[in-house]
N, C-alpha and C. Protein backbone atom coordinates (compact mmCIF):
# COMPACT_ATOMS: atom_id res chain seq x y z
N MET A 1 10.95 -9.06 9.20
CA MET A 1 9.97 -9.32 10.23
C MET A 1 10.45 -8.76 11.57
N ALA A 2 11.73 -8.87 11.83
CA ALA A 2 12.25 -8.37 13.10
C ALA A 2 12.10 -6.85 13.19
N MET A 3 12.38 -6.15 12.11
CA MET A 3 12.26 -4.69 12.12
C MET A 3 10.83 -4.24 12.41
N LEU A 4 9.86 -5.01 11.97
CA LEU A 4 8.46 -4.66 12.18
C LEU A 4 7.92 -5.19 13.50
N GLY A 5 8.71 -6.01 14.19
CA GLY A 5 8.25 -6.58 15.46
C GLY A 5 7.28 -7.73 15.28
N LEU A 6 7.28 -8.35 14.10
CA LEU A 6 6.39 -9.48 13.84
C LEU A 6 6.97 -10.74 14.49
N THR A 7 6.08 -11.57 15.05
CA THR A 7 6.53 -12.77 15.75
C THR A 7 5.70 -13.97 15.34
N ASP A 8 6.14 -15.13 15.80
CA ASP A 8 5.44 -16.40 15.64
C ASP A 8 5.07 -16.71 14.19
N PRO A 9 6.03 -16.66 13.27
CA PRO A 9 5.70 -16.96 11.87
C PRO A 9 5.31 -18.43 11.69
N GLN A 10 4.20 -18.62 11.00
CA GLN A 10 3.71 -19.98 10.72
C GLN A 10 3.53 -20.14 9.22
N PRO A 11 4.13 -21.18 8.63
CA PRO A 11 3.94 -21.41 7.19
C PRO A 11 2.45 -21.53 6.86
N THR A 12 2.09 -21.03 5.68
CA THR A 12 0.69 -21.05 5.27
C THR A 12 0.59 -21.22 3.77
N THR A 13 -0.63 -21.31 3.30
CA THR A 13 -0.91 -21.35 1.86
C THR A 13 -1.47 -19.98 1.46
N TYR A 14 -1.46 -19.70 0.16
CA TYR A 14 -2.04 -18.44 -0.30
C TYR A 14 -3.54 -18.39 -0.03
N ALA A 15 -4.22 -19.50 -0.16
CA ALA A 15 -5.67 -19.53 0.09
C ALA A 15 -5.98 -19.19 1.54
N LEU A 16 -5.26 -19.80 2.48
CA LEU A 16 -5.49 -19.52 3.89
C LEU A 16 -5.07 -18.09 4.23
N ALA A 17 -3.95 -17.64 3.69
CA ALA A 17 -3.49 -16.27 3.95
C ALA A 17 -4.52 -15.26 3.48
N ARG A 18 -5.09 -15.47 2.30
CA ARG A 18 -6.11 -14.56 1.78
C ARG A 18 -7.33 -14.53 2.70
N GLU A 19 -7.74 -15.70 3.19
CA GLU A 19 -8.88 -15.77 4.10
C GLU A 19 -8.59 -15.05 5.41
N VAL A 20 -7.41 -15.25 5.96
CA VAL A 20 -7.03 -14.62 7.23
C VAL A 20 -6.96 -13.10 7.07
N VAL A 21 -6.35 -12.62 5.97
CA VAL A 21 -6.25 -11.18 5.74
C VAL A 21 -7.63 -10.58 5.51
N ASP A 22 -8.48 -11.29 4.78
CA ASP A 22 -9.85 -10.81 4.56
C ASP A 22 -10.60 -10.71 5.89
N ASP A 23 -10.47 -11.73 6.72
CA ASP A 23 -11.11 -11.70 8.05
C ASP A 23 -10.57 -10.54 8.88
N ALA A 24 -9.25 -10.34 8.85
CA ALA A 24 -8.64 -9.25 9.62
C ALA A 24 -9.14 -7.89 9.11
N SER A 25 -9.36 -7.79 7.81
CA SER A 25 -9.86 -6.54 7.23
C SER A 25 -11.28 -6.24 7.68
N HIS A 26 -11.98 -7.27 8.14
CA HIS A 26 -13.35 -7.11 8.63
C HIS A 26 -13.42 -7.22 10.16
N GLY A 27 -12.26 -7.01 10.82
CA GLY A 27 -12.24 -6.93 12.27
C GLY A 27 -12.06 -8.24 13.01
N LYS A 28 -11.93 -9.34 12.29
CA LYS A 28 -11.73 -10.64 12.95
C LYS A 28 -10.24 -10.94 13.03
N ASP A 29 -9.72 -11.13 14.22
CA ASP A 29 -8.31 -11.46 14.44
C ASP A 29 -7.37 -10.56 13.64
N ALA A 30 -7.46 -9.26 13.89
CA ALA A 30 -6.62 -8.29 13.19
C ALA A 30 -5.17 -8.35 13.66
N GLY A 31 -4.82 -9.31 14.49
CA GLY A 31 -3.47 -9.43 15.00
C GLY A 31 -2.54 -10.25 14.13
N LEU A 32 -2.97 -10.59 12.91
CA LEU A 32 -2.14 -11.36 12.00
C LEU A 32 -1.91 -10.61 10.70
N VAL A 33 -0.74 -10.82 10.12
CA VAL A 33 -0.44 -10.35 8.77
C VAL A 33 0.16 -11.51 8.00
N CYS A 34 0.08 -11.41 6.70
CA CYS A 34 0.72 -12.37 5.80
C CYS A 34 2.03 -11.76 5.33
N VAL A 35 3.09 -12.52 5.39
CA VAL A 35 4.40 -12.08 4.90
C VAL A 35 4.82 -13.04 3.80
N THR A 36 5.01 -12.50 2.61
CA THR A 36 5.41 -13.35 1.49
C THR A 36 6.90 -13.64 1.56
N GLY A 37 7.31 -14.63 0.80
CA GLY A 37 8.72 -14.77 0.51
C GLY A 37 9.09 -13.63 -0.44
N GLU A 38 10.32 -13.56 -0.84
CA GLU A 38 10.73 -12.54 -1.80
C GLU A 38 10.13 -12.86 -3.17
N ILE A 39 9.43 -11.89 -3.75
CA ILE A 39 8.82 -12.05 -5.07
C ILE A 39 9.39 -10.96 -5.98
N ASN A 40 10.17 -11.38 -6.95
CA ASN A 40 10.83 -10.43 -7.86
C ASN A 40 11.54 -9.31 -7.10
N GLY A 41 12.17 -9.66 -5.99
CA GLY A 41 12.95 -8.71 -5.22
C GLY A 41 12.17 -7.97 -4.14
N TRP A 42 10.87 -8.18 -4.04
CA TRP A 42 10.03 -7.51 -3.04
C TRP A 42 9.47 -8.52 -2.06
N THR A 43 9.32 -8.11 -0.82
CA THR A 43 8.62 -8.90 0.19
C THR A 43 7.40 -8.10 0.60
N ALA A 44 6.23 -8.72 0.54
CA ALA A 44 4.99 -8.03 0.89
C ALA A 44 4.54 -8.45 2.28
N VAL A 45 4.09 -7.47 3.05
CA VAL A 45 3.43 -7.69 4.33
C VAL A 45 2.00 -7.23 4.12
N VAL A 46 1.05 -8.16 4.24
CA VAL A 46 -0.32 -7.87 3.84
C VAL A 46 -1.27 -8.01 5.03
N GLY A 47 -2.05 -6.97 5.25
CA GLY A 47 -3.06 -6.98 6.30
C GLY A 47 -3.36 -5.57 6.76
N PRO A 48 -4.46 -5.38 7.46
CA PRO A 48 -4.86 -4.04 7.87
C PRO A 48 -3.88 -3.36 8.82
N TRP A 49 -3.05 -4.13 9.51
CA TRP A 49 -2.06 -3.56 10.43
C TRP A 49 -1.10 -2.62 9.71
N CYS A 50 -0.85 -2.85 8.43
CA CYS A 50 0.10 -2.02 7.69
C CYS A 50 -0.60 -1.09 6.70
N ASP A 51 -1.81 -0.68 7.02
CA ASP A 51 -2.63 0.19 6.18
C ASP A 51 -2.18 1.65 6.31
N PRO A 52 -1.67 2.25 5.22
CA PRO A 52 -1.22 3.64 5.30
C PRO A 52 -2.36 4.66 5.36
N ALA A 53 -3.60 4.21 5.19
CA ALA A 53 -4.76 5.11 5.24
C ALA A 53 -5.46 5.09 6.59
N SER A 54 -5.09 4.16 7.46
CA SER A 54 -5.76 4.02 8.75
C SER A 54 -5.60 5.29 9.58
N PRO A 55 -6.71 5.92 9.98
CA PRO A 55 -6.59 7.14 10.79
C PRO A 55 -5.80 6.92 12.09
N SER A 56 -5.93 5.74 12.68
CA SER A 56 -5.25 5.50 13.95
C SER A 56 -3.80 5.04 13.79
N ARG A 57 -3.41 4.58 12.58
CA ARG A 57 -2.06 4.03 12.41
C ARG A 57 -1.24 4.68 11.31
N ARG A 58 -1.80 5.62 10.56
CA ARG A 58 -1.08 6.10 9.37
C ARG A 58 0.30 6.67 9.68
N GLU A 59 0.46 7.35 10.81
CA GLU A 59 1.79 7.90 11.14
C GLU A 59 2.74 6.79 11.57
N GLU A 60 2.25 5.82 12.34
CA GLU A 60 3.10 4.69 12.74
C GLU A 60 3.51 3.89 11.51
N VAL A 61 2.58 3.67 10.58
CA VAL A 61 2.91 2.95 9.34
C VAL A 61 3.95 3.74 8.55
N ARG A 62 3.80 5.06 8.48
CA ARG A 62 4.78 5.88 7.76
C ARG A 62 6.17 5.72 8.37
N LEU A 63 6.26 5.75 9.69
CA LEU A 63 7.56 5.59 10.35
C LEU A 63 8.15 4.21 10.11
N LEU A 64 7.31 3.16 10.12
CA LEU A 64 7.80 1.81 9.84
C LEU A 64 8.31 1.69 8.41
N VAL A 65 7.57 2.26 7.46
CA VAL A 65 8.00 2.21 6.06
C VAL A 65 9.29 3.00 5.87
N GLU A 66 9.41 4.14 6.54
CA GLU A 66 10.66 4.90 6.47
C GLU A 66 11.82 4.08 7.03
N ALA A 67 11.60 3.39 8.15
CA ALA A 67 12.67 2.57 8.74
C ALA A 67 13.07 1.45 7.79
N LEU A 68 12.09 0.80 7.20
CA LEU A 68 12.40 -0.26 6.23
C LEU A 68 13.20 0.29 5.04
N SER A 69 12.80 1.47 4.56
CA SER A 69 13.51 2.04 3.41
C SER A 69 14.92 2.47 3.78
N GLY A 70 15.14 2.83 5.04
CA GLY A 70 16.48 3.17 5.49
C GLY A 70 17.42 1.98 5.41
N THR A 71 16.89 0.80 5.61
CA THR A 71 17.69 -0.43 5.54
C THR A 71 17.74 -1.00 4.12
N TYR A 72 16.59 -1.00 3.43
CA TYR A 72 16.48 -1.68 2.14
C TYR A 72 16.47 -0.75 0.94
N GLY A 73 16.53 0.56 1.16
CA GLY A 73 16.57 1.51 0.06
C GLY A 73 15.21 2.08 -0.31
N GLU A 74 14.21 1.21 -0.43
CA GLU A 74 12.87 1.67 -0.78
C GLU A 74 11.85 0.73 -0.17
N ALA A 75 10.76 1.30 0.30
CA ALA A 75 9.67 0.51 0.87
C ALA A 75 8.35 1.21 0.56
N HIS A 76 7.27 0.41 0.45
CA HIS A 76 5.97 0.94 0.08
C HIS A 76 4.90 0.36 0.98
N ALA A 77 3.78 1.08 1.08
CA ALA A 77 2.58 0.56 1.74
C ALA A 77 1.39 0.99 0.88
N PHE A 78 0.39 0.12 0.78
CA PHE A 78 -0.77 0.38 -0.07
C PHE A 78 -2.05 0.03 0.65
N TYR A 79 -3.11 0.74 0.29
CA TYR A 79 -4.47 0.42 0.75
C TYR A 79 -5.39 0.53 -0.45
N TRP A 80 -6.27 -0.46 -0.61
CA TRP A 80 -7.26 -0.42 -1.68
C TRP A 80 -8.55 -1.00 -1.16
N ASP A 81 -9.64 -0.28 -1.34
CA ASP A 81 -10.96 -0.72 -0.91
C ASP A 81 -11.70 -1.26 -2.13
N ALA A 82 -11.89 -2.57 -2.17
CA ALA A 82 -12.52 -3.21 -3.32
C ALA A 82 -13.97 -2.77 -3.51
N GLN A 83 -14.64 -2.40 -2.44
CA GLN A 83 -16.05 -2.00 -2.56
C GLN A 83 -16.21 -0.54 -2.95
N GLY A 84 -15.45 0.33 -2.31
CA GLY A 84 -15.61 1.76 -2.56
C GLY A 84 -14.61 2.37 -3.51
N GLY A 85 -13.54 1.65 -3.81
CA GLY A 85 -12.52 2.14 -4.74
C GLY A 85 -11.52 3.11 -4.14
N ALA A 86 -11.56 3.33 -2.83
CA ALA A 86 -10.60 4.24 -2.20
C ALA A 86 -9.20 3.64 -2.26
N SER A 87 -8.21 4.51 -2.34
CA SER A 87 -6.82 4.08 -2.44
C SER A 87 -5.91 4.96 -1.61
N ALA A 88 -4.81 4.36 -1.18
CA ALA A 88 -3.74 5.12 -0.55
C ALA A 88 -2.43 4.42 -0.86
N TRP A 89 -1.38 5.22 -0.97
CA TRP A 89 -0.04 4.65 -1.12
C TRP A 89 0.95 5.52 -0.40
N LEU A 90 2.01 4.85 0.01
CA LEU A 90 3.08 5.49 0.75
C LEU A 90 4.39 4.94 0.19
N VAL A 91 5.28 5.84 -0.20
CA VAL A 91 6.57 5.44 -0.75
C VAL A 91 7.66 6.16 0.02
N ALA A 92 8.61 5.39 0.53
CA ALA A 92 9.76 5.96 1.24
C ALA A 92 11.03 5.46 0.57
N ARG A 93 12.00 6.36 0.50
CA ARG A 93 13.31 6.02 -0.06
C ARG A 93 14.39 6.52 0.89
N ASP A 94 15.35 5.67 1.14
CA ASP A 94 16.49 6.04 1.97
C ASP A 94 16.08 6.69 3.29
N GLY A 95 15.03 6.13 3.91
CA GLY A 95 14.63 6.58 5.23
C GLY A 95 13.70 7.78 5.28
N ARG A 96 13.23 8.25 4.11
CA ARG A 96 12.36 9.43 4.08
C ARG A 96 11.14 9.18 3.19
N THR A 97 10.00 9.67 3.63
CA THR A 97 8.79 9.58 2.82
C THR A 97 8.94 10.52 1.63
N VAL A 98 8.75 9.97 0.42
CA VAL A 98 8.78 10.81 -0.77
C VAL A 98 7.37 11.06 -1.29
N ARG A 99 6.41 10.17 -0.94
CA ARG A 99 5.04 10.38 -1.39
C ARG A 99 4.07 9.59 -0.51
N ARG A 100 3.03 10.27 -0.10
CA ARG A 100 1.88 9.61 0.51
C ARG A 100 0.65 10.25 -0.11
N TYR A 101 -0.22 9.42 -0.68
CA TYR A 101 -1.49 9.89 -1.21
C TYR A 101 -2.59 9.05 -0.59
N ASN A 102 -3.66 9.71 -0.18
CA ASN A 102 -4.76 9.03 0.48
C ASN A 102 -6.06 9.65 -0.04
N SER A 103 -6.79 8.91 -0.86
CA SER A 103 -8.02 9.45 -1.43
C SER A 103 -9.10 9.65 -0.38
N LEU A 104 -8.98 8.99 0.77
CA LEU A 104 -9.96 9.14 1.84
C LEU A 104 -9.68 10.35 2.72
N ALA A 105 -8.45 10.79 2.77
CA ALA A 105 -8.04 11.92 3.61
C ALA A 105 -6.93 12.66 2.86
N THR A 106 -7.32 13.37 1.80
CA THR A 106 -6.31 13.98 0.93
C THR A 106 -5.42 14.98 1.66
N TRP A 107 -5.91 15.57 2.75
CA TRP A 107 -5.11 16.53 3.51
C TRP A 107 -3.90 15.87 4.18
N THR A 108 -3.85 14.53 4.24
CA THR A 108 -2.71 13.84 4.83
C THR A 108 -1.64 13.52 3.79
N SER A 109 -1.91 13.84 2.53
CA SER A 109 -0.97 13.53 1.46
C SER A 109 0.30 14.35 1.62
N LEU A 110 1.41 13.75 1.20
CA LEU A 110 2.73 14.37 1.31
C LEU A 110 3.49 14.19 0.01
N GLY A 111 4.34 15.12 -0.32
CA GLY A 111 5.27 14.97 -1.44
C GLY A 111 4.62 15.21 -2.79
N ASP A 112 5.45 15.10 -3.80
CA ASP A 112 5.02 15.32 -5.18
C ASP A 112 4.52 14.02 -5.79
N PRO A 113 3.62 14.13 -6.78
CA PRO A 113 3.10 12.92 -7.43
C PRO A 113 4.23 12.05 -8.01
N LEU A 114 4.01 10.76 -7.91
CA LEU A 114 4.91 9.79 -8.53
C LEU A 114 4.75 9.86 -10.05
N PRO A 115 5.71 9.36 -10.83
CA PRO A 115 5.55 9.37 -12.28
C PRO A 115 4.25 8.72 -12.76
N ILE A 116 3.82 7.62 -12.14
CA ILE A 116 2.57 6.98 -12.55
C ILE A 116 1.39 7.90 -12.27
N GLU A 117 1.41 8.61 -11.15
CA GLU A 117 0.35 9.58 -10.87
C GLU A 117 0.37 10.70 -11.91
N GLN A 118 1.56 11.21 -12.20
CA GLN A 118 1.68 12.32 -13.15
C GLN A 118 1.14 11.91 -14.51
N HIS A 119 1.36 10.67 -14.91
CA HIS A 119 0.83 10.16 -16.17
C HIS A 119 -0.69 10.34 -16.22
N TYR A 120 -1.37 9.93 -15.16
CA TYR A 120 -2.83 10.03 -15.15
C TYR A 120 -3.30 11.46 -14.90
N LEU A 121 -2.57 12.25 -14.14
CA LEU A 121 -2.92 13.66 -13.99
C LEU A 121 -2.88 14.35 -15.36
N ASP A 122 -1.85 14.08 -16.13
CA ASP A 122 -1.74 14.65 -17.48
C ASP A 122 -2.86 14.14 -18.38
N GLN A 123 -3.16 12.84 -18.28
CA GLN A 123 -4.20 12.25 -19.12
C GLN A 123 -5.55 12.94 -18.89
N PHE A 124 -5.84 13.32 -17.65
CA PHE A 124 -7.12 13.94 -17.34
C PHE A 124 -7.02 15.47 -17.18
N ASN A 125 -5.88 16.04 -17.62
CA ASN A 125 -5.68 17.49 -17.60
C ASN A 125 -5.90 18.09 -16.21
N ILE A 126 -5.32 17.45 -15.21
CA ILE A 126 -5.43 17.92 -13.83
C ILE A 126 -4.11 18.58 -13.46
N PRO A 127 -4.13 19.88 -13.17
CA PRO A 127 -2.88 20.55 -12.80
C PRO A 127 -2.48 20.24 -11.36
N GLY A 128 -1.19 20.34 -11.09
CA GLY A 128 -0.70 20.19 -9.72
C GLY A 128 -0.83 18.77 -9.19
N ARG A 129 -1.16 18.69 -7.92
CA ARG A 129 -1.30 17.40 -7.24
C ARG A 129 -2.78 17.07 -7.11
N PRO A 130 -3.15 15.80 -7.09
CA PRO A 130 -4.58 15.47 -6.98
C PRO A 130 -5.19 15.99 -5.68
N GLU A 131 -4.42 15.99 -4.60
CA GLU A 131 -4.94 16.43 -3.32
C GLU A 131 -5.23 17.94 -3.29
N ASP A 132 -4.72 18.69 -4.27
CA ASP A 132 -4.99 20.12 -4.34
C ASP A 132 -6.42 20.42 -4.78
N HIS A 133 -7.15 19.40 -5.24
CA HIS A 133 -8.46 19.61 -5.84
C HIS A 133 -9.60 18.97 -5.04
N GLY A 134 -9.37 18.65 -3.78
CA GLY A 134 -10.37 17.98 -2.97
C GLY A 134 -11.67 18.76 -2.82
N ASP A 135 -11.60 20.09 -2.78
CA ASP A 135 -12.80 20.92 -2.61
C ASP A 135 -13.19 21.64 -3.89
N ASP A 136 -12.60 21.26 -5.00
CA ASP A 136 -12.84 21.94 -6.28
C ASP A 136 -13.95 21.22 -7.04
N ASP A 137 -15.17 21.75 -6.96
CA ASP A 137 -16.31 21.11 -7.63
C ASP A 137 -16.12 21.01 -9.14
N ASP A 138 -15.41 21.96 -9.73
CA ASP A 138 -15.18 21.93 -11.18
C ASP A 138 -14.29 20.77 -11.60
N MET A 139 -13.47 20.27 -10.67
CA MET A 139 -12.53 19.18 -10.99
C MET A 139 -13.00 17.83 -10.46
N SER A 140 -14.13 17.77 -9.80
CA SER A 140 -14.52 16.53 -9.11
C SER A 140 -14.66 15.34 -10.06
N ASP A 141 -15.22 15.55 -11.26
CA ASP A 141 -15.34 14.44 -12.20
C ASP A 141 -13.97 13.96 -12.67
N ASP A 142 -13.08 14.93 -12.95
CA ASP A 142 -11.72 14.57 -13.40
C ASP A 142 -10.95 13.85 -12.30
N ILE A 143 -11.08 14.31 -11.06
CA ILE A 143 -10.41 13.65 -9.95
C ILE A 143 -10.97 12.24 -9.77
N GLY A 144 -12.28 12.08 -9.92
CA GLY A 144 -12.88 10.74 -9.86
C GLY A 144 -12.31 9.81 -10.92
N GLU A 145 -12.14 10.32 -12.13
CA GLU A 145 -11.54 9.52 -13.22
C GLU A 145 -10.09 9.18 -12.89
N PHE A 146 -9.36 10.17 -12.37
CA PHE A 146 -7.97 9.94 -11.96
C PHE A 146 -7.90 8.82 -10.93
N GLU A 147 -8.73 8.92 -9.88
CA GLU A 147 -8.69 7.93 -8.79
C GLU A 147 -9.09 6.54 -9.26
N PHE A 148 -9.99 6.46 -10.23
CA PHE A 148 -10.36 5.16 -10.78
C PHE A 148 -9.20 4.57 -11.58
N ALA A 149 -8.57 5.39 -12.42
CA ALA A 149 -7.47 4.91 -13.27
C ALA A 149 -6.18 4.68 -12.49
N CYS A 150 -5.90 5.56 -11.54
CA CYS A 150 -4.64 5.50 -10.79
C CYS A 150 -4.94 4.99 -9.38
N SER A 151 -5.36 3.75 -9.30
CA SER A 151 -5.67 3.13 -8.01
C SER A 151 -4.39 2.65 -7.34
N ALA A 152 -4.51 2.30 -6.07
CA ALA A 152 -3.36 1.75 -5.36
C ALA A 152 -2.86 0.48 -6.05
N GLN A 153 -3.78 -0.29 -6.61
CA GLN A 153 -3.34 -1.49 -7.33
C GLN A 153 -2.48 -1.14 -8.54
N LYS A 154 -2.87 -0.12 -9.30
CA LYS A 154 -2.10 0.29 -10.47
C LYS A 154 -0.73 0.83 -10.04
N VAL A 155 -0.71 1.62 -8.97
CA VAL A 155 0.56 2.15 -8.48
C VAL A 155 1.46 1.01 -8.02
N ALA A 156 0.90 0.07 -7.25
CA ALA A 156 1.69 -1.08 -6.76
C ALA A 156 2.24 -1.90 -7.92
N GLU A 157 1.38 -2.17 -8.88
CA GLU A 157 1.80 -2.96 -10.05
C GLU A 157 2.92 -2.26 -10.80
N THR A 158 2.88 -0.94 -10.86
CA THR A 158 3.86 -0.17 -11.62
C THR A 158 5.19 -0.03 -10.90
N ILE A 159 5.15 0.20 -9.57
CA ILE A 159 6.41 0.50 -8.89
C ILE A 159 6.96 -0.65 -8.06
N SER A 160 6.16 -1.68 -7.79
CA SER A 160 6.68 -2.80 -7.02
C SER A 160 5.92 -4.08 -7.31
N LEU A 161 4.89 -4.37 -6.52
CA LEU A 161 4.23 -5.66 -6.60
C LEU A 161 2.77 -5.52 -6.20
N ASP A 162 1.87 -5.97 -7.06
CA ASP A 162 0.44 -5.98 -6.73
C ASP A 162 0.08 -7.39 -6.30
N VAL A 163 -0.10 -7.58 -5.00
CA VAL A 163 -0.41 -8.92 -4.49
C VAL A 163 -1.90 -9.21 -4.48
N VAL A 164 -2.73 -8.21 -4.78
CA VAL A 164 -4.18 -8.41 -4.76
C VAL A 164 -4.63 -9.31 -5.91
N TRP A 165 -4.12 -9.04 -7.10
CA TRP A 165 -4.57 -9.80 -8.27
C TRP A 165 -3.72 -11.02 -8.56
N GLY A 166 -2.79 -11.33 -7.69
CA GLY A 166 -2.06 -12.57 -7.85
C GLY A 166 -0.61 -12.40 -8.26
N MET A 167 0.02 -13.51 -8.35
CA MET A 167 1.44 -13.58 -8.64
C MET A 167 1.71 -13.23 -10.10
N PRO A 168 2.73 -12.40 -10.35
CA PRO A 168 3.12 -12.15 -11.74
C PRO A 168 3.52 -13.47 -12.40
N THR A 169 3.21 -13.62 -13.67
CA THR A 169 3.50 -14.88 -14.36
C THR A 169 5.00 -15.15 -14.45
N ASP A 170 5.81 -14.09 -14.41
CA ASP A 170 7.27 -14.25 -14.49
C ASP A 170 7.94 -14.18 -13.12
N ALA A 171 7.18 -14.42 -12.07
CA ALA A 171 7.69 -14.24 -10.71
C ALA A 171 8.84 -15.18 -10.39
N ILE A 172 9.84 -14.61 -9.75
CA ILE A 172 10.92 -15.39 -9.17
C ILE A 172 10.71 -15.29 -7.66
N VAL A 173 10.43 -16.42 -7.04
CA VAL A 173 10.06 -16.45 -5.62
C VAL A 173 11.14 -17.17 -4.83
N ARG A 174 11.54 -16.53 -3.72
CA ARG A 174 12.47 -17.15 -2.79
C ARG A 174 11.89 -17.00 -1.40
N GLY A 175 11.91 -18.04 -0.63
CA GLY A 175 11.39 -17.98 0.73
C GLY A 175 9.98 -18.52 0.80
N GLN A 176 9.43 -18.46 1.99
CA GLN A 176 8.16 -19.10 2.26
C GLN A 176 7.12 -18.08 2.72
N LEU A 177 5.87 -18.33 2.37
CA LEU A 177 4.74 -17.53 2.82
C LEU A 177 4.41 -17.90 4.25
N VAL A 178 4.24 -16.87 5.12
CA VAL A 178 3.92 -17.13 6.52
C VAL A 178 2.83 -16.17 7.00
N LEU A 179 2.16 -16.60 8.04
CA LEU A 179 1.31 -15.71 8.83
C LEU A 179 2.09 -15.39 10.07
N ALA A 180 2.07 -14.10 10.48
CA ALA A 180 2.84 -13.69 11.65
C ALA A 180 1.98 -12.78 12.52
N ARG A 181 2.29 -12.77 13.80
CA ARG A 181 1.59 -11.92 14.77
C ARG A 181 2.20 -10.52 14.76
N VAL A 182 1.31 -9.52 14.83
CA VAL A 182 1.76 -8.12 14.90
C VAL A 182 2.05 -7.78 16.35
N PRO A 183 2.85 -6.74 16.60
CA PRO A 183 3.10 -6.33 17.99
C PRO A 183 1.80 -5.87 18.65
N ASP A 184 1.74 -6.02 19.96
CA ASP A 184 0.55 -5.55 20.70
C ASP A 184 0.44 -4.05 20.61
């Protein structure tokens, strides 16, 4: 929390945290994020403030994730739109971004596909990187299938922790769930 500049942590419940994050995602009190305790070795910071797809914050989020990975080895950020199905993910290791994919702004993507992405690219016979096919009408159906199958939720579930669909049944949890204020 200190590295991110988060302040005023207040213990909360998962129900209240979900409501607050949902409200923040719709523009109400976007100054709060939910910070989980450690879950199977990962700590999640949830809320629109840490959205790697945000046009106004994507570079700041990338730098924060790189800083976290410099200290902790690896850090991730995810965005998933439940209504439209858009996804973005950002993975940094040892202080450097290794992959950023953003289905809403494919030109901002960086790095080579992650193994989970490559699995679905191969499944749908898509050569190269998914962002290479943004203007390719011949590949649009295949890219749509890829984006549906390889959502941010699937990537999160595969490489770290998917907090959208709930706690893993085998979760080992240490620490407390809090709501915290983001920096101004």
